[in-house]
mmCIF file of all heavy atoms, coordinates in Angstrom:
data_MODEL
# 
_entry.id   MODEL 
# 
loop_
_atom_site.group_PDB 
_atom_site.id 
_atom_site.type_symbol 
_atom_site.label_atom_id 
_atom_site.label_alt_id 
_atom_site.label_comp_id 
_atom_site.label_asym_id 
_atom_site.label_entity_id 
_atom_site.label_seq_id 
_atom_site.pdbx_PDB_ins_code 
_atom_site.Cartn_x 
_atom_site.Cartn_y 
_atom_site.Cartn_z 
_atom_site.occupancy 
_atom_site.B_iso_or_equiv 
_atom_site.pdbx_formal_charge 
_atom_site.auth_seq_id 
_atom_site.auth_comp_id 
_atom_site.auth_asym_id 
_atom_site.auth_atom_id 
_atom_site.pdbx_PDB_model_num 
ATOM 1   N N   . GLN A 1 1  ? 12.188 12.405 6.177  1.00 0.00 ? 1  GLN A N   1 
ATOM 2   C CA  . GLN A 1 1  ? 11.118 12.030 7.089  1.00 0.00 ? 1  GLN A CA  1 
ATOM 3   C C   . GLN A 1 1  ? 9.871  11.538 6.354  1.00 0.00 ? 1  GLN A C   1 
ATOM 4   O O   . GLN A 1 1  ? 9.129  10.678 6.854  1.00 0.00 ? 1  GLN A O   1 
ATOM 5   C CB  . GLN A 1 1  ? 10.790 13.209 8.026  1.00 0.00 ? 1  GLN A CB  1 
ATOM 6   C CG  . GLN A 1 1  ? 11.950 13.465 8.994  1.00 0.00 ? 1  GLN A CG  1 
ATOM 7   C CD  . GLN A 1 1  ? 11.566 14.425 10.107 1.00 0.00 ? 1  GLN A CD  1 
ATOM 8   O OE1 . GLN A 1 1  ? 10.518 15.045 10.091 1.00 0.00 ? 1  GLN A OE1 1 
ATOM 9   N NE2 . GLN A 1 1  ? 12.470 14.538 11.092 1.00 0.00 ? 1  GLN A NE2 1 
ATOM 10  N N   . ALA A 1 2  ? 9.632  12.068 5.166  1.00 0.00 ? 2  ALA A N   1 
ATOM 11  C CA  . ALA A 1 2  ? 8.526  11.551 4.344  1.00 0.00 ? 2  ALA A CA  1 
ATOM 12  C C   . ALA A 1 2  ? 8.793  10.094 3.979  1.00 0.00 ? 2  ALA A C   1 
ATOM 13  O O   . ALA A 1 2  ? 7.866  9.253  4.035  1.00 0.00 ? 2  ALA A O   1 
ATOM 14  C CB  . ALA A 1 2  ? 8.356  12.380 3.074  1.00 0.00 ? 2  ALA A CB  1 
ATOM 15  N N   . GLU A 1 3  ? 10.025 9.802  3.622  1.00 0.00 ? 3  GLU A N   1 
ATOM 16  C CA  . GLU A 1 3  ? 10.378 8.407  3.318  1.00 0.00 ? 3  GLU A CA  1 
ATOM 17  C C   . GLU A 1 3  ? 10.256 7.522  4.562  1.00 0.00 ? 3  GLU A C   1 
ATOM 18  O O   . GLU A 1 3  ? 9.704  6.416  4.504  1.00 0.00 ? 3  GLU A O   1 
ATOM 19  C CB  . GLU A 1 3  ? 11.792 8.349  2.756  1.00 0.00 ? 3  GLU A CB  1 
ATOM 20  C CG  . GLU A 1 3  ? 12.216 6.929  2.376  1.00 0.00 ? 3  GLU A CG  1 
ATOM 21  C CD  . GLU A 1 3  ? 13.623 6.898  1.784  1.00 0.00 ? 3  GLU A CD  1 
ATOM 22  O OE1 . GLU A 1 3  ? 14.436 7.781  2.120  1.00 0.00 ? 3  GLU A OE1 1 
ATOM 23  O OE2 . GLU A 1 3  ? 13.889 5.978  0.971  1.00 0.00 ? 3  GLU A OE2 1 
ATOM 24  N N   . TYR A 1 4  ? 10.741 8.013  5.676  1.00 0.00 ? 4  TYR A N   1 
ATOM 25  C CA  . TYR A 1 4  ? 10.700 7.253  6.915  1.00 0.00 ? 4  TYR A CA  1 
ATOM 26  C C   . TYR A 1 4  ? 9.245  6.964  7.343  1.00 0.00 ? 4  TYR A C   1 
ATOM 27  O O   . TYR A 1 4  ? 8.921  5.861  7.776  1.00 0.00 ? 4  TYR A O   1 
ATOM 28  C CB  . TYR A 1 4  ? 11.439 8.007  8.016  1.00 0.00 ? 4  TYR A CB  1 
ATOM 29  C CG  . TYR A 1 4  ? 11.458 7.319  9.350  1.00 0.00 ? 4  TYR A CG  1 
ATOM 30  C CD1 . TYR A 1 4  ? 11.847 5.998  9.476  1.00 0.00 ? 4  TYR A CD1 1 
ATOM 31  C CD2 . TYR A 1 4  ? 11.093 8.011  10.514 1.00 0.00 ? 4  TYR A CD2 1 
ATOM 32  C CE1 . TYR A 1 4  ? 11.874 5.370  10.715 1.00 0.00 ? 4  TYR A CE1 1 
ATOM 33  C CE2 . TYR A 1 4  ? 11.119 7.394  11.747 1.00 0.00 ? 4  TYR A CE2 1 
ATOM 34  C CZ  . TYR A 1 4  ? 11.499 6.070  11.853 1.00 0.00 ? 4  TYR A CZ  1 
ATOM 35  O OH  . TYR A 1 4  ? 11.521 5.444  13.077 1.00 0.00 ? 4  TYR A OH  1 
ATOM 36  N N   . ALA A 1 5  ? 8.391  7.976  7.202  1.00 0.00 ? 5  ALA A N   1 
ATOM 37  C CA  . ALA A 1 5  ? 6.977  7.780  7.574  1.00 0.00 ? 5  ALA A CA  1 
ATOM 38  C C   . ALA A 1 5  ? 6.348  6.691  6.722  1.00 0.00 ? 5  ALA A C   1 
ATOM 39  O O   . ALA A 1 5  ? 5.590  5.857  7.232  1.00 0.00 ? 5  ALA A O   1 
ATOM 40  C CB  . ALA A 1 5  ? 6.221  9.117  7.392  1.00 0.00 ? 5  ALA A CB  1 
ATOM 41  N N   . ALA A 1 6  ? 6.646  6.683  5.436  1.00 0.00 ? 6  ALA A N   1 
ATOM 42  C CA  . ALA A 1 6  ? 6.106  5.643  4.548  1.00 0.00 ? 6  ALA A CA  1 
ATOM 43  C C   . ALA A 1 6  ? 6.645  4.279  4.912  1.00 0.00 ? 6  ALA A C   1 
ATOM 44  O O   . ALA A 1 6  ? 5.920  3.258  4.886  1.00 0.00 ? 6  ALA A O   1 
ATOM 45  C CB  . ALA A 1 6  ? 6.401  5.990  3.090  1.00 0.00 ? 6  ALA A CB  1 
ATOM 46  N N   . GLU A 1 7  ? 7.925  4.236  5.289  1.00 0.00 ? 7  GLU A N   1 
ATOM 47  C CA  . GLU A 1 7  ? 8.521  2.966  5.675  1.00 0.00 ? 7  GLU A CA  1 
ATOM 48  C C   . GLU A 1 7  ? 7.917  2.428  6.978  1.00 0.00 ? 7  GLU A C   1 
ATOM 49  O O   . GLU A 1 7  ? 7.747  1.233  7.144  1.00 0.00 ? 7  GLU A O   1 
ATOM 50  C CB  . GLU A 1 7  ? 10.028 3.132  5.818  1.00 0.00 ? 7  GLU A CB  1 
ATOM 51  C CG  . GLU A 1 7  ? 10.753 3.316  4.492  1.00 0.00 ? 7  GLU A CG  1 
ATOM 52  C CD  . GLU A 1 7  ? 12.232 3.636  4.670  1.00 0.00 ? 7  GLU A CD  1 
ATOM 53  O OE1 . GLU A 1 7  ? 12.632 3.964  5.819  1.00 0.00 ? 7  GLU A OE1 1 
ATOM 54  O OE2 . GLU A 1 7  ? 12.971 3.587  3.659  1.00 0.00 ? 7  GLU A OE2 1 
ATOM 55  N N   . LEU A 1 8  ? 7.595  3.326  7.908  1.00 0.00 ? 8  LEU A N   1 
ATOM 56  C CA  . LEU A 1 8  ? 7.026  2.926  9.182  1.00 0.00 ? 8  LEU A CA  1 
ATOM 57  C C   . LEU A 1 8  ? 5.698  2.186  8.978  1.00 0.00 ? 8  LEU A C   1 
ATOM 58  O O   . LEU A 1 8  ? 5.356  1.261  9.746  1.00 0.00 ? 8  LEU A O   1 
ATOM 59  C CB  . LEU A 1 8  ? 6.801  4.122  10.103 1.00 0.00 ? 8  LEU A CB  1 
ATOM 60  C CG  . LEU A 1 8  ? 8.002  4.652  10.851 1.00 0.00 ? 8  LEU A CG  1 
ATOM 61  C CD1 . LEU A 1 8  ? 7.613  5.897  11.650 1.00 0.00 ? 8  LEU A CD1 1 
ATOM 62  C CD2 . LEU A 1 8  ? 8.591  3.610  11.772 1.00 0.00 ? 8  LEU A CD2 1 
ATOM 63  N N   . VAL A 1 9  ? 4.956  2.621  7.986  1.00 0.00 ? 9  VAL A N   1 
ATOM 64  C CA  . VAL A 1 9  ? 3.661  1.993  7.708  1.00 0.00 ? 9  VAL A CA  1 
ATOM 65  C C   . VAL A 1 9  ? 3.823  0.787  6.770  1.00 0.00 ? 9  VAL A C   1 
ATOM 66  O O   . VAL A 1 9  ? 2.867  0.174  6.373  1.00 0.00 ? 9  VAL A O   1 
ATOM 67  C CB  . VAL A 1 9  ? 2.679  3.036  7.119  1.00 0.00 ? 9  VAL A CB  1 
ATOM 68  C CG1 . VAL A 1 9  ? 1.278  2.490  6.970  1.00 0.00 ? 9  VAL A CG1 1 
ATOM 69  C CG2 . VAL A 1 9  ? 2.646  4.264  8.018  1.00 0.00 ? 9  VAL A CG2 1 
ATOM 70  N N   . LYS A 1 10 ? 5.090  0.551  6.415  1.00 0.00 ? 10 LYS A N   1 
ATOM 71  C CA  . LYS A 1 10 ? 5.435  -0.586 5.540  1.00 0.00 ? 10 LYS A CA  1 
ATOM 72  C C   . LYS A 1 10 ? 4.812  -0.455 4.168  1.00 0.00 ? 10 LYS A C   1 
ATOM 73  O O   . LYS A 1 10 ? 4.317  -1.424 3.570  1.00 0.00 ? 10 LYS A O   1 
ATOM 74  C CB  . LYS A 1 10 ? 5.034  -1.915 6.184  1.00 0.00 ? 10 LYS A CB  1 
ATOM 75  C CG  . LYS A 1 10 ? 5.705  -2.168 7.535  1.00 0.00 ? 10 LYS A CG  1 
ATOM 76  C CD  . LYS A 1 10 ? 5.410  -3.553 8.057  1.00 0.00 ? 10 LYS A CD  1 
ATOM 77  C CE  . LYS A 1 10 ? 5.997  -3.719 9.453  1.00 0.00 ? 10 LYS A CE  1 
ATOM 78  N NZ  . LYS A 1 10 ? 7.425  -3.438 9.551  1.00 0.00 ? 10 LYS A NZ  1 
ATOM 79  N N   . ARG A 1 11 ? 4.842  0.781  3.644  1.00 0.00 ? 11 ARG A N   1 
ATOM 80  C CA  . ARG A 1 11 ? 4.411  0.974  2.271  1.00 0.00 ? 11 ARG A CA  1 
ATOM 81  C C   . ARG A 1 11 ? 5.421  0.323  1.318  1.00 0.00 ? 11 ARG A C   1 
ATOM 82  O O   . ARG A 1 11 ? 6.623  0.331  1.574  1.00 0.00 ? 11 ARG A O   1 
ATOM 83  C CB  . ARG A 1 11 ? 4.336  2.444  1.906  1.00 0.00 ? 11 ARG A CB  1 
ATOM 84  C CG  . ARG A 1 11 ? 3.385  3.242  2.782  1.00 0.00 ? 11 ARG A CG  1 
ATOM 85  C CD  . ARG A 1 11 ? 1.957  2.907  2.485  1.00 0.00 ? 11 ARG A CD  1 
ATOM 86  N NE  . ARG A 1 11 ? 1.041  3.749  3.264  1.00 0.00 ? 11 ARG A NE  1 
ATOM 87  C CZ  . ARG A 1 11 ? -0.267 3.578  3.348  1.00 0.00 ? 11 ARG A CZ  1 
ATOM 88  N NH1 . ARG A 1 11 ? -0.830 2.573  2.698  1.00 0.00 ? 11 ARG A NH1 1 
ATOM 89  N NH2 . ARG A 1 11 ? -0.986 4.404  4.086  1.00 0.00 ? 11 ARG A NH2 1 
ATOM 90  N N   . LYS A 1 12 ? 4.915  -0.243 0.239  1.00 0.00 ? 12 LYS A N   1 
ATOM 91  C CA  . LYS A 1 12 ? 5.818  -0.758 -0.777 1.00 0.00 ? 12 LYS A CA  1 
ATOM 92  C C   . LYS A 1 12 ? 6.524  0.373  -1.477 1.00 0.00 ? 12 LYS A C   1 
ATOM 93  O O   . LYS A 1 12 ? 5.947  1.428  -1.703 1.00 0.00 ? 12 LYS A O   1 
ATOM 94  C CB  . LYS A 1 12 ? 5.014  -1.595 -1.778 1.00 0.00 ? 12 LYS A CB  1 
ATOM 95  C CG  . LYS A 1 12 ? 4.414  -2.856 -1.199 1.00 0.00 ? 12 LYS A CG  1 
ATOM 96  C CD  . LYS A 1 12 ? 3.613  -3.609 -2.268 1.00 0.00 ? 12 LYS A CD  1 
ATOM 97  C CE  . LYS A 1 12 ? 3.016  -4.867 -1.701 1.00 0.00 ? 12 LYS A CE  1 
ATOM 98  N NZ  . LYS A 1 12 ? 2.212  -5.596 -2.716 1.00 0.00 ? 12 LYS A NZ  1 
ATOM 99  N N   . LYS A 1 13 ? 7.765  0.173  -1.849 1.00 0.00 ? 13 LYS A N   1 
ATOM 100 C CA  . LYS A 1 13 ? 8.481  1.165  -2.624 1.00 0.00 ? 13 LYS A CA  1 
ATOM 101 C C   . LYS A 1 13 ? 7.722  1.453  -3.913 1.00 0.00 ? 13 LYS A C   1 
ATOM 102 O O   . LYS A 1 13 ? 7.233  0.532  -4.565 1.00 0.00 ? 13 LYS A O   1 
ATOM 103 C CB  . LYS A 1 13 ? 9.896  0.689  -2.984 1.00 0.00 ? 13 LYS A CB  1 
ATOM 104 C CG  . LYS A 1 13 ? 10.849 0.721  -1.825 1.00 0.00 ? 13 LYS A CG  1 
ATOM 105 C CD  . LYS A 1 13 ? 11.188 2.125  -1.402 1.00 0.00 ? 13 LYS A CD  1 
ATOM 106 C CE  . LYS A 1 13 ? 12.275 2.150  -0.321 1.00 0.00 ? 13 LYS A CE  1 
ATOM 107 N NZ  . LYS A 1 13 ? 12.578 3.534  0.092  1.00 0.00 ? 13 LYS A NZ  1 
ATOM 108 N N   . GLY A 1 14 ? 7.587  2.734  -4.218 1.00 0.00 ? 14 GLY A N   1 
ATOM 109 C CA  . GLY A 1 14 ? 6.825  3.103  -5.409 1.00 0.00 ? 14 GLY A CA  1 
ATOM 110 C C   . GLY A 1 14 ? 5.393  3.465  -5.092 1.00 0.00 ? 14 GLY A C   1 
ATOM 111 O O   . GLY A 1 14 ? 4.656  3.883  -5.975 1.00 0.00 ? 14 GLY A O   1 
ATOM 112 N N   . SER A 1 15 ? 4.981  3.334  -3.821 1.00 0.00 ? 15 SER A N   1 
ATOM 113 C CA  . SER A 1 15 ? 3.648  3.729  -3.417 1.00 0.00 ? 15 SER A CA  1 
ATOM 114 C C   . SER A 1 15 ? 3.530  5.260  -3.506 1.00 0.00 ? 15 SER A C   1 
ATOM 115 O O   . SER A 1 15 ? 4.537  5.952  -3.397 1.00 0.00 ? 15 SER A O   1 
ATOM 116 C CB  . SER A 1 15 ? 3.330  3.261  -2.005 1.00 0.00 ? 15 SER A CB  1 
ATOM 117 O OG  . SER A 1 15 ? 3.359  1.853  -1.895 1.00 0.00 ? 15 SER A OG  1 
ATOM 118 N N   . PRO A 1 16 ? 2.337  5.800  -3.678 1.00 0.00 ? 16 PRO A N   1 
ATOM 119 C CA  . PRO A 1 16 ? 2.165  7.254  -3.804 1.00 0.00 ? 16 PRO A CA  1 
ATOM 120 C C   . PRO A 1 16 ? 2.782  8.046  -2.645 1.00 0.00 ? 16 PRO A C   1 
ATOM 121 O O   . PRO A 1 16 ? 3.225  9.157  -2.828 1.00 0.00 ? 16 PRO A O   1 
ATOM 122 C CB  . PRO A 1 16 ? 0.646  7.417  -3.856 1.00 0.00 ? 16 PRO A CB  1 
ATOM 123 C CG  . PRO A 1 16 ? 0.141  6.141  -4.413 1.00 0.00 ? 16 PRO A CG  1 
ATOM 124 C CD  . PRO A 1 16 ? 1.044  5.090  -3.866 1.00 0.00 ? 16 PRO A CD  1 
ATOM 125 N N   . GLN A 1 17 ? 2.778  7.468  -1.457 1.00 0.00 ? 17 GLN A N   1 
ATOM 126 C CA  . GLN A 1 17 ? 3.312  8.179  -0.283 1.00 0.00 ? 17 GLN A CA  1 
ATOM 127 C C   . GLN A 1 17 ? 4.776  8.563  -0.435 1.00 0.00 ? 17 GLN A C   1 
ATOM 128 O O   . GLN A 1 17 ? 5.242  9.539  0.138  1.00 0.00 ? 17 GLN A O   1 
ATOM 129 C CB  . GLN A 1 17 ? 3.104  7.356  0.990  1.00 0.00 ? 17 GLN A CB  1 
ATOM 130 C CG  . GLN A 1 17 ? 1.651  7.238  1.432  1.00 0.00 ? 17 GLN A CG  1 
ATOM 131 C CD  . GLN A 1 17 ? 0.862  6.223  0.627  1.00 0.00 ? 17 GLN A CD  1 
ATOM 132 O OE1 . GLN A 1 17 ? 1.404  5.461  -0.179 1.00 0.00 ? 17 GLN A OE1 1 
ATOM 133 N NE2 . GLN A 1 17 ? -0.439 6.157  0.862  1.00 0.00 ? 17 GLN A NE2 1 
ATOM 134 N N   . TYR A 1 18 ? 5.518  7.767  -1.211 1.00 0.00 ? 18 TYR A N   1 
ATOM 135 C CA  . TYR A 1 18 ? 6.928  8.092  -1.428 1.00 0.00 ? 18 TYR A CA  1 
ATOM 136 C C   . TYR A 1 18 ? 7.141  9.303  -2.313 1.00 0.00 ? 18 TYR A C   1 
ATOM 137 O O   . TYR A 1 18 ? 8.217  9.893  -2.324 1.00 0.00 ? 18 TYR A O   1 
ATOM 138 C CB  . TYR A 1 18 ? 7.678  6.881  -2.025 1.00 0.00 ? 18 TYR A CB  1 
ATOM 139 C CG  . TYR A 1 18 ? 7.927  5.797  -1.009 1.00 0.00 ? 18 TYR A CG  1 
ATOM 140 C CD1 . TYR A 1 18 ? 7.048  4.717  -0.890 1.00 0.00 ? 18 TYR A CD1 1 
ATOM 141 C CD2 . TYR A 1 18 ? 9.027  5.852  -0.145 1.00 0.00 ? 18 TYR A CD2 1 
ATOM 142 C CE1 . TYR A 1 18 ? 7.282  3.707  0.054  1.00 0.00 ? 18 TYR A CE1 1 
ATOM 143 C CE2 . TYR A 1 18 ? 9.239  4.861  0.789  1.00 0.00 ? 18 TYR A CE2 1 
ATOM 144 C CZ  . TYR A 1 18 ? 8.385  3.793  0.891  1.00 0.00 ? 18 TYR A CZ  1 
ATOM 145 O OH  . TYR A 1 18 ? 8.602  2.817  1.813  1.00 0.00 ? 18 TYR A OH  1 
ATOM 146 N N   . ALA A 1 19 ? 6.107  9.689  -3.055 1.00 0.00 ? 19 ALA A N   1 
ATOM 147 C CA  . ALA A 1 19 ? 6.230  10.877 -3.930 1.00 0.00 ? 19 ALA A CA  1 
ATOM 148 C C   . ALA A 1 19 ? 6.537  12.125 -3.118 1.00 0.00 ? 19 ALA A C   1 
ATOM 149 O O   . ALA A 1 19 ? 7.161  13.047 -3.625 1.00 0.00 ? 19 ALA A O   1 
ATOM 150 C CB  . ALA A 1 19 ? 4.962  11.053 -4.775 1.00 0.00 ? 19 ALA A CB  1 
ATOM 151 N N   . ALA A 1 20 ? 6.058  12.191 -1.854 1.00 0.00 ? 20 ALA A N   1 
ATOM 152 C CA  . ALA A 1 20 ? 6.346  13.345 -1.004 1.00 0.00 ? 20 ALA A CA  1 
ATOM 153 C C   . ALA A 1 20 ? 7.863  13.471 -0.800 1.00 0.00 ? 20 ALA A C   1 
ATOM 154 O O   . ALA A 1 20 ? 8.401  14.595 -0.826 1.00 0.00 ? 20 ALA A O   1 
ATOM 155 C CB  . ALA A 1 20 ? 5.638  13.213 0.328  1.00 0.00 ? 20 ALA A CB  1 
ATOM 156 N N   . SER A 1 21 ? 8.537  12.348 -0.602 1.00 0.00 ? 21 SER A N   1 
ATOM 157 C CA  . SER A 1 21 ? 9.982  12.370 -0.413 1.00 0.00 ? 21 SER A CA  1 
ATOM 158 C C   . SER A 1 21 ? 10.696 12.781 -1.683 1.00 0.00 ? 21 SER A C   1 
ATOM 159 O O   . SER A 1 21 ? 11.638 13.585 -1.647 1.00 0.00 ? 21 SER A O   1 
ATOM 160 C CB  . SER A 1 21 ? 10.447 10.976 0.042  1.00 0.00 ? 21 SER A CB  1 
ATOM 161 O OG  . SER A 1 21 ? 11.871 10.953 0.173  1.00 0.00 ? 21 SER A OG  1 
ATOM 162 N N   . TYR A 1 22 ? 10.286 12.246 -2.825 1.00 0.00 ? 22 TYR A N   1 
ATOM 163 C CA  . TYR A 1 22 ? 10.929 12.594 -4.103 1.00 0.00 ? 22 TYR A CA  1 
ATOM 164 C C   . TYR A 1 22 ? 10.776 14.113 -4.396 1.00 0.00 ? 22 TYR A C   1 
ATOM 165 O O   . TYR A 1 22 ? 11.709 14.751 -4.884 1.00 0.00 ? 22 TYR A O   1 
ATOM 166 C CB  . TYR A 1 22 ? 10.314 11.795 -5.255 1.00 0.00 ? 22 TYR A CB  1 
ATOM 167 C CG  . TYR A 1 22 ? 10.368 10.298 -5.063 1.00 0.00 ? 22 TYR A CG  1 
ATOM 168 C CD1 . TYR A 1 22 ? 9.287  9.506  -5.422 1.00 0.00 ? 22 TYR A CD1 1 
ATOM 169 C CD2 . TYR A 1 22 ? 11.494 9.662  -4.542 1.00 0.00 ? 22 TYR A CD2 1 
ATOM 170 C CE1 . TYR A 1 22 ? 9.324  8.111  -5.260 1.00 0.00 ? 22 TYR A CE1 1 
ATOM 171 C CE2 . TYR A 1 22 ? 11.537 8.295  -4.376 1.00 0.00 ? 22 TYR A CE2 1 
ATOM 172 C CZ  . TYR A 1 22 ? 10.453 7.518  -4.733 1.00 0.00 ? 22 TYR A CZ  1 
ATOM 173 O OH  . TYR A 1 22 ? 10.466 6.150  -4.579 1.00 0.00 ? 22 TYR A OH  1 
ATOM 174 N N   . ALA A 1 23 ? 9.627  14.639 -4.075 1.00 0.00 ? 23 ALA A N   1 
ATOM 175 C CA  . ALA A 1 23 ? 9.375  16.053 -4.342 1.00 0.00 ? 23 ALA A CA  1 
ATOM 176 C C   . ALA A 1 23 ? 10.232 16.941 -3.460 1.00 0.00 ? 23 ALA A C   1 
ATOM 177 O O   . ALA A 1 23 ? 10.838 17.918 -3.941 1.00 0.00 ? 23 ALA A O   1 
ATOM 178 C CB  . ALA A 1 23 ? 7.892  16.368 -4.120 1.00 0.00 ? 23 ALA A CB  1 
ATOM 179 N N   . ALA A 1 24 ? 10.301 16.630 -2.176 1.00 0.00 ? 24 ALA A N   1 
ATOM 180 C CA  . ALA A 1 24 ? 11.119 17.455 -1.258 1.00 0.00 ? 24 ALA A CA  1 
ATOM 181 C C   . ALA A 1 24 ? 12.600 17.331 -1.624 1.00 0.00 ? 24 ALA A C   1 
ATOM 182 O O   . ALA A 1 24 ? 13.340 18.300 -1.552 1.00 0.00 ? 24 ALA A O   1 
ATOM 183 C CB  . ALA A 1 24 ? 10.889 17.015 0.173  1.00 0.00 ? 24 ALA A CB  1 
ATOM 184 N N   . SER A 1 25 ? 13.018 16.154 -2.018 1.00 0.00 ? 25 SER A N   1 
ATOM 185 C CA  . SER A 1 25 ? 14.398 15.953 -2.410 1.00 0.00 ? 25 SER A CA  1 
ATOM 186 C C   . SER A 1 25 ? 14.756 16.769 -3.653 1.00 0.00 ? 25 SER A C   1 
ATOM 187 O O   . SER A 1 25 ? 15.862 17.314 -3.759 1.00 0.00 ? 25 SER A O   1 
ATOM 188 C CB  . SER A 1 25 ? 14.658 14.469 -2.711 1.00 0.00 ? 25 SER A CB  1 
ATOM 189 O OG  . SER A 1 25 ? 15.972 14.242 -3.141 1.00 0.00 ? 25 SER A OG  1 
ATOM 190 N N   . ALA A 1 26 ? 13.803 16.896 -4.588 1.00 0.00 ? 26 ALA A N   1 
ATOM 191 C CA  . ALA A 1 26 ? 14.046 17.738 -5.773 1.00 0.00 ? 26 ALA A CA  1 
ATOM 192 C C   . ALA A 1 26 ? 14.298 19.184 -5.397 1.00 0.00 ? 26 ALA A C   1 
ATOM 193 O O   . ALA A 1 26 ? 15.189 19.860 -5.944 1.00 0.00 ? 26 ALA A O   1 
ATOM 194 C CB  . ALA A 1 26 ? 12.851 17.640 -6.710 1.00 0.00 ? 26 ALA A CB  1 
ATOM 195 N N   . ALA A 1 27 ? 13.554 19.700 -4.419 1.00 0.00 ? 27 ALA A N   1 
ATOM 196 C CA  . ALA A 1 27 ? 13.766 21.063 -3.942 1.00 0.00 ? 27 ALA A CA  1 
ATOM 197 C C   . ALA A 1 27 ? 15.129 21.211 -3.318 1.00 0.00 ? 27 ALA A C   1 
ATOM 198 O O   . ALA A 1 27 ? 15.859 22.207 -3.562 1.00 0.00 ? 27 ALA A O   1 
ATOM 199 C CB  . ALA A 1 27 ? 12.670 21.424 -2.944 1.00 0.00 ? 27 ALA A CB  1 
ATOM 200 N N   . GLU A 1 28 ? 15.525 20.247 -2.478 1.00 0.00 ? 28 GLU A N   1 
ATOM 201 C CA  . GLU A 1 28 ? 16.846 20.306 -1.863 1.00 0.00 ? 28 GLU A CA  1 
ATOM 202 C C   . GLU A 1 28 ? 17.954 20.327 -2.896 1.00 0.00 ? 28 GLU A C   1 
ATOM 203 O O   . GLU A 1 28 ? 18.931 21.082 -2.792 1.00 0.00 ? 28 GLU A O   1 
ATOM 204 C CB  . GLU A 1 28 ? 17.022 19.111 -0.921 1.00 0.00 ? 28 GLU A CB  1 
ATOM 205 C CG  . GLU A 1 28 ? 18.377 19.087 -0.227 1.00 0.00 ? 28 GLU A CG  1 
ATOM 206 C CD  . GLU A 1 28 ? 18.675 17.790 0.480  1.00 0.00 ? 28 GLU A CD  1 
ATOM 207 O OE1 . GLU A 1 28 ? 18.019 16.764 0.172  1.00 0.00 ? 28 GLU A OE1 1 
ATOM 208 O OE2 . GLU A 1 28 ? 19.598 17.767 1.337  1.00 0.00 ? 28 GLU A OE2 1 
ATOM 209 N N   . LEU A 1 29 ? 17.802 19.495 -3.938 1.00 0.00 ? 29 LEU A N   1 
ATOM 210 C CA  . LEU A 1 29 ? 18.822 19.442 -4.982 1.00 0.00 ? 29 LEU A CA  1 
ATOM 211 C C   . LEU A 1 29 ? 18.917 20.727 -5.768 1.00 0.00 ? 29 LEU A C   1 
ATOM 212 O O   . LEU A 1 29 ? 20.017 21.166 -6.134 1.00 0.00 ? 29 LEU A O   1 
ATOM 213 C CB  . LEU A 1 29 ? 18.527 18.262 -5.918 1.00 0.00 ? 29 LEU A CB  1 
ATOM 214 C CG  . LEU A 1 29 ? 18.841 16.891 -5.386 1.00 0.00 ? 29 LEU A CG  1 
ATOM 215 C CD1 . LEU A 1 29 ? 18.173 15.809 -6.187 1.00 0.00 ? 29 LEU A CD1 1 
ATOM 216 C CD2 . LEU A 1 29 ? 20.358 16.666 -5.356 1.00 0.00 ? 29 LEU A CD2 1 
ATOM 217 N N   . ALA A 1 30 ? 17.794 21.368 -6.036 1.00 0.00 ? 30 ALA A N   1 
ATOM 218 C CA  . ALA A 1 30 ? 17.804 22.646 -6.751 1.00 0.00 ? 30 ALA A CA  1 
ATOM 219 C C   . ALA A 1 30 ? 18.582 23.669 -5.958 1.00 0.00 ? 30 ALA A C   1 
ATOM 220 O O   . ALA A 1 30 ? 19.378 24.448 -6.509 1.00 0.00 ? 30 ALA A O   1 
ATOM 221 C CB  . ALA A 1 30 ? 16.395 23.122 -7.014 1.00 0.00 ? 30 ALA A CB  1 
ATOM 222 N N   . ALA A 1 31 ? 18.354 23.711 -4.628 1.00 0.00 ? 31 ALA A N   1 
ATOM 223 C CA  . ALA A 1 31 ? 19.092 24.657 -3.789 1.00 0.00 ? 31 ALA A CA  1 
ATOM 224 C C   . ALA A 1 31 ? 20.565 24.302 -3.716 1.00 0.00 ? 31 ALA A C   1 
ATOM 225 O O   . ALA A 1 31 ? 21.424 25.190 -3.770 1.00 0.00 ? 31 ALA A O   1 
ATOM 226 C CB  . ALA A 1 31 ? 18.485 24.652 -2.389 1.00 0.00 ? 31 ALA A CB  1 
ATOM 227 N N   . THR A 1 32 ? 20.876 23.030 -3.605 1.00 0.00 ? 32 THR A N   1 
ATOM 228 C CA  . THR A 1 32 ? 22.272 22.604 -3.554 1.00 0.00 ? 32 THR A CA  1 
ATOM 229 C C   . THR A 1 32 ? 22.982 23.028 -4.842 1.00 0.00 ? 32 THR A C   1 
ATOM 230 O O   . THR A 1 32 ? 24.133 23.508 -4.794 1.00 0.00 ? 32 THR A O   1 
ATOM 231 C CB  . THR A 1 32 ? 22.359 21.089 -3.373 1.00 0.00 ? 32 THR A CB  1 
ATOM 232 O OG1 . THR A 1 32 ? 21.714 20.691 -2.167 1.00 0.00 ? 32 THR A OG1 1 
ATOM 233 C CG2 . THR A 1 32 ? 23.828 20.627 -3.326 1.00 0.00 ? 32 THR A CG2 1 
# 
């Protein structure tokens, strides 16, 4: 949803807003 929110606003890939998605994904992977 962090990624989707950034896409809705048409942020360019690599914008700071995408860091929220990368961070949450890291947590999910650690648990997996």
